[in-house]
N, C-alpha and C. Protein backbone atom coordinates (compact mmCIF):
# COMPACT_ATOMS: atom_id res chain seq x y z
N MET A 1 0.85 -1.16 0.00
CA MET A 1 0.00 0.00 0.00
C MET A 1 0.91 1.23 0.00
N THR A 2 0.55 2.20 -0.79
CA THR A 2 1.26 3.47 -0.82
C THR A 2 0.26 4.60 -0.62
N SER A 3 0.56 5.47 0.31
CA SER A 3 -0.31 6.61 0.58
C SER A 3 0.43 7.89 0.21
N THR A 4 -0.17 8.67 -0.67
CA THR A 4 0.47 9.93 -1.09
C THR A 4 -0.20 11.15 -0.49
N ARG A 5 -1.26 10.94 0.26
CA ARG A 5 -1.95 12.07 0.90
C ARG A 5 -2.00 11.84 2.40
N ILE A 6 -1.61 12.84 3.13
CA ILE A 6 -1.57 12.77 4.58
C ILE A 6 -2.47 13.87 5.13
N ALA A 7 -3.19 13.55 6.20
CA ALA A 7 -4.09 14.53 6.81
C ALA A 7 -3.93 14.49 8.32
N LEU A 8 -4.27 15.59 8.94
CA LEU A 8 -4.26 15.72 10.39
C LEU A 8 -5.70 15.64 10.85
N ARG A 9 -5.97 14.81 11.84
CA ARG A 9 -7.32 14.73 12.40
C ARG A 9 -7.35 15.50 13.71
N ALA A 10 -8.31 16.39 13.83
CA ALA A 10 -8.53 17.16 15.04
C ALA A 10 -10.01 17.02 15.38
N GLY A 11 -10.32 16.11 16.29
CA GLY A 11 -11.72 15.82 16.57
C GLY A 11 -12.36 15.20 15.35
N ARG A 12 -13.43 15.79 14.86
CA ARG A 12 -14.08 15.29 13.65
C ARG A 12 -13.54 15.93 12.38
N ALA A 13 -12.71 16.95 12.55
CA ALA A 13 -12.17 17.65 11.39
C ALA A 13 -10.98 16.88 10.81
N ARG A 14 -10.90 16.89 9.50
CA ARG A 14 -9.77 16.28 8.78
C ARG A 14 -9.12 17.37 7.95
N ILE A 15 -7.85 17.69 8.25
CA ILE A 15 -7.16 18.79 7.59
C ILE A 15 -6.09 18.19 6.67
N PRO A 16 -6.29 18.28 5.35
CA PRO A 16 -5.27 17.75 4.43
C PRO A 16 -3.96 18.54 4.56
N LEU A 17 -2.84 17.82 4.56
CA LEU A 17 -1.53 18.45 4.63
C LEU A 17 -0.90 18.44 3.24
N PRO A 18 0.02 19.36 2.99
CA PRO A 18 0.69 19.37 1.68
C PRO A 18 1.43 18.05 1.45
N ARG A 19 1.65 17.72 0.20
CA ARG A 19 2.32 16.47 -0.14
C ARG A 19 3.82 16.58 0.14
N LEU A 20 4.16 16.44 1.40
CA LEU A 20 5.56 16.52 1.81
C LEU A 20 6.19 15.15 1.96
N ALA A 21 5.36 14.13 2.07
CA ALA A 21 5.89 12.78 2.30
C ALA A 21 4.95 11.74 1.71
N THR A 22 5.50 10.55 1.50
CA THR A 22 4.74 9.41 1.03
C THR A 22 4.98 8.25 1.98
N MET A 23 3.92 7.53 2.34
CA MET A 23 4.04 6.38 3.21
C MET A 23 3.87 5.12 2.39
N HIS A 24 4.80 4.16 2.57
CA HIS A 24 4.75 2.87 1.89
C HIS A 24 4.62 1.79 2.97
N LEU A 25 3.67 0.88 2.79
CA LEU A 25 3.47 -0.20 3.75
C LEU A 25 3.44 -1.53 3.01
N VAL A 26 4.25 -2.47 3.47
CA VAL A 26 4.21 -3.84 2.97
C VAL A 26 3.88 -4.72 4.18
N GLU A 27 2.78 -5.48 4.07
CA GLU A 27 2.37 -6.37 5.15
C GLU A 27 2.19 -7.76 4.56
N ARG A 28 2.70 -8.76 5.27
CA ARG A 28 2.53 -10.13 4.78
C ARG A 28 2.52 -11.10 5.95
N THR A 29 1.95 -12.25 5.72
CA THR A 29 1.92 -13.31 6.71
C THR A 29 3.28 -13.99 6.74
N ASP A 30 3.72 -14.32 7.93
CA ASP A 30 4.98 -15.04 8.10
C ASP A 30 4.77 -16.49 7.66
N PRO A 31 5.48 -16.97 6.64
CA PRO A 31 5.28 -18.34 6.17
C PRO A 31 5.56 -19.39 7.26
N ALA A 32 6.46 -19.09 8.17
CA ALA A 32 6.80 -20.04 9.23
C ALA A 32 5.76 -20.08 10.34
N ASP A 33 4.99 -19.00 10.49
CA ASP A 33 3.98 -18.91 11.56
C ASP A 33 2.82 -18.05 11.06
N PRO A 34 1.76 -18.68 10.55
CA PRO A 34 0.64 -17.91 9.97
C PRO A 34 -0.08 -16.96 10.94
N SER A 35 0.16 -17.10 12.26
CA SER A 35 -0.46 -16.17 13.20
C SER A 35 0.33 -14.87 13.34
N ARG A 36 1.49 -14.77 12.67
CA ARG A 36 2.32 -13.56 12.73
C ARG A 36 2.23 -12.79 11.42
N GLN A 37 2.17 -11.50 11.53
CA GLN A 37 2.20 -10.60 10.38
C GLN A 37 3.53 -9.85 10.41
N ARG A 38 4.15 -9.71 9.27
CA ARG A 38 5.38 -8.93 9.14
C ARG A 38 5.04 -7.63 8.42
N VAL A 39 5.58 -6.53 8.93
CA VAL A 39 5.31 -5.22 8.33
C VAL A 39 6.62 -4.50 8.04
N ASP A 40 6.59 -3.70 6.99
CA ASP A 40 7.70 -2.83 6.62
C ASP A 40 7.07 -1.50 6.22
N VAL A 41 7.27 -0.47 7.04
CA VAL A 41 6.69 0.85 6.81
C VAL A 41 7.82 1.83 6.53
N ARG A 42 7.68 2.60 5.45
CA ARG A 42 8.68 3.62 5.11
C ARG A 42 7.95 4.93 4.82
N ILE A 43 8.51 6.01 5.32
CA ILE A 43 8.03 7.34 4.97
C ILE A 43 9.17 8.04 4.24
N THR A 44 8.89 8.45 3.01
CA THR A 44 9.90 9.12 2.21
C THR A 44 9.44 10.53 1.87
N ALA A 45 10.40 11.43 1.77
CA ALA A 45 10.13 12.82 1.41
C ALA A 45 11.02 13.19 0.23
N PRO A 46 10.50 13.98 -0.71
CA PRO A 46 11.25 14.30 -1.91
C PRO A 46 12.63 14.91 -1.65
N LEU A 47 12.76 15.78 -0.68
CA LEU A 47 14.03 16.48 -0.46
C LEU A 47 15.02 15.71 0.40
N VAL A 48 14.52 14.81 1.26
CA VAL A 48 15.42 14.13 2.20
C VAL A 48 15.51 12.63 1.99
N GLY A 49 14.68 12.07 1.15
CA GLY A 49 14.68 10.62 0.95
C GLY A 49 13.92 9.93 2.06
N GLU A 50 14.44 8.80 2.53
CA GLU A 50 13.76 8.04 3.58
C GLU A 50 13.90 8.76 4.91
N ALA A 51 12.78 9.18 5.48
CA ALA A 51 12.78 9.94 6.73
C ALA A 51 12.49 9.05 7.93
N PHE A 52 11.81 7.92 7.70
CA PHE A 52 11.43 7.02 8.79
C PHE A 52 11.25 5.63 8.22
N ARG A 53 11.64 4.61 9.01
CA ARG A 53 11.39 3.24 8.59
C ARG A 53 11.17 2.39 9.83
N TYR A 54 10.18 1.50 9.76
CA TYR A 54 9.92 0.53 10.82
C TYR A 54 9.73 -0.83 10.17
N THR A 55 10.42 -1.82 10.65
CA THR A 55 10.18 -3.19 10.24
C THR A 55 10.01 -4.02 11.49
N GLY A 56 9.07 -4.92 11.45
CA GLY A 56 8.84 -5.76 12.62
C GLY A 56 7.71 -6.73 12.35
N SER A 57 7.29 -7.39 13.41
CA SER A 57 6.20 -8.35 13.27
C SER A 57 5.34 -8.32 14.52
N PHE A 58 4.15 -8.85 14.39
CA PHE A 58 3.26 -8.96 15.53
C PHE A 58 2.43 -10.22 15.36
N ALA A 59 1.98 -10.76 16.48
CA ALA A 59 1.12 -11.94 16.47
C ALA A 59 -0.27 -11.52 16.89
N TYR A 60 -1.24 -12.24 16.41
CA TYR A 60 -2.61 -11.94 16.78
C TYR A 60 -3.41 -13.23 16.84
N THR A 61 -4.52 -13.16 17.52
CA THR A 61 -5.47 -14.28 17.55
C THR A 61 -6.86 -13.73 17.29
N ILE A 62 -7.69 -14.54 16.74
CA ILE A 62 -9.09 -14.18 16.54
C ILE A 62 -9.90 -14.99 17.54
N ARG A 63 -10.68 -14.30 18.35
CA ARG A 63 -11.46 -14.99 19.36
C ARG A 63 -12.84 -14.35 19.48
N ALA A 64 -13.77 -15.11 19.94
CA ALA A 64 -15.11 -14.58 20.17
C ALA A 64 -15.08 -13.67 21.39
N ALA A 65 -15.89 -12.65 21.37
CA ALA A 65 -15.96 -11.73 22.50
C ALA A 65 -16.61 -12.43 23.69
N ALA A 66 -16.08 -12.16 24.87
CA ALA A 66 -16.68 -12.68 26.10
C ALA A 66 -18.02 -11.99 26.32
N PRO A 67 -18.93 -12.62 27.06
CA PRO A 67 -20.25 -12.00 27.29
C PRO A 67 -20.17 -10.58 27.83
N ASP A 68 -19.22 -10.30 28.71
CA ASP A 68 -19.12 -8.94 29.27
C ASP A 68 -18.47 -7.95 28.29
N GLU A 69 -18.00 -8.42 27.13
CA GLU A 69 -17.40 -7.56 26.11
C GLU A 69 -18.35 -7.27 24.96
N GLN A 70 -19.57 -7.79 25.03
CA GLN A 70 -20.53 -7.59 23.96
C GLN A 70 -20.97 -6.13 23.92
N PRO A 71 -21.08 -5.55 22.72
CA PRO A 71 -21.54 -4.16 22.62
C PRO A 71 -23.00 -4.04 23.06
N GLU A 72 -23.30 -2.88 23.62
CA GLU A 72 -24.69 -2.63 24.05
C GLU A 72 -25.56 -2.37 22.83
N SER A 73 -26.81 -2.81 22.90
CA SER A 73 -27.74 -2.60 21.78
C SER A 73 -28.38 -1.25 21.84
């Protein structure tokens, strides 16, 4: 995924910011462990190149909500 538009959220307002940076995200399942996701996030700017990068992984599980976690109707 590549995002070329960035905005600032202030409450319900969304304020578009000038195109100063682009965010690139690559996310994939770890072939060795399907419960883990691997991510590679880069923010690049035209004048400075790569300004930020994060690579890592996280694990997750899908579970049914407990009775006390059910949303109110």
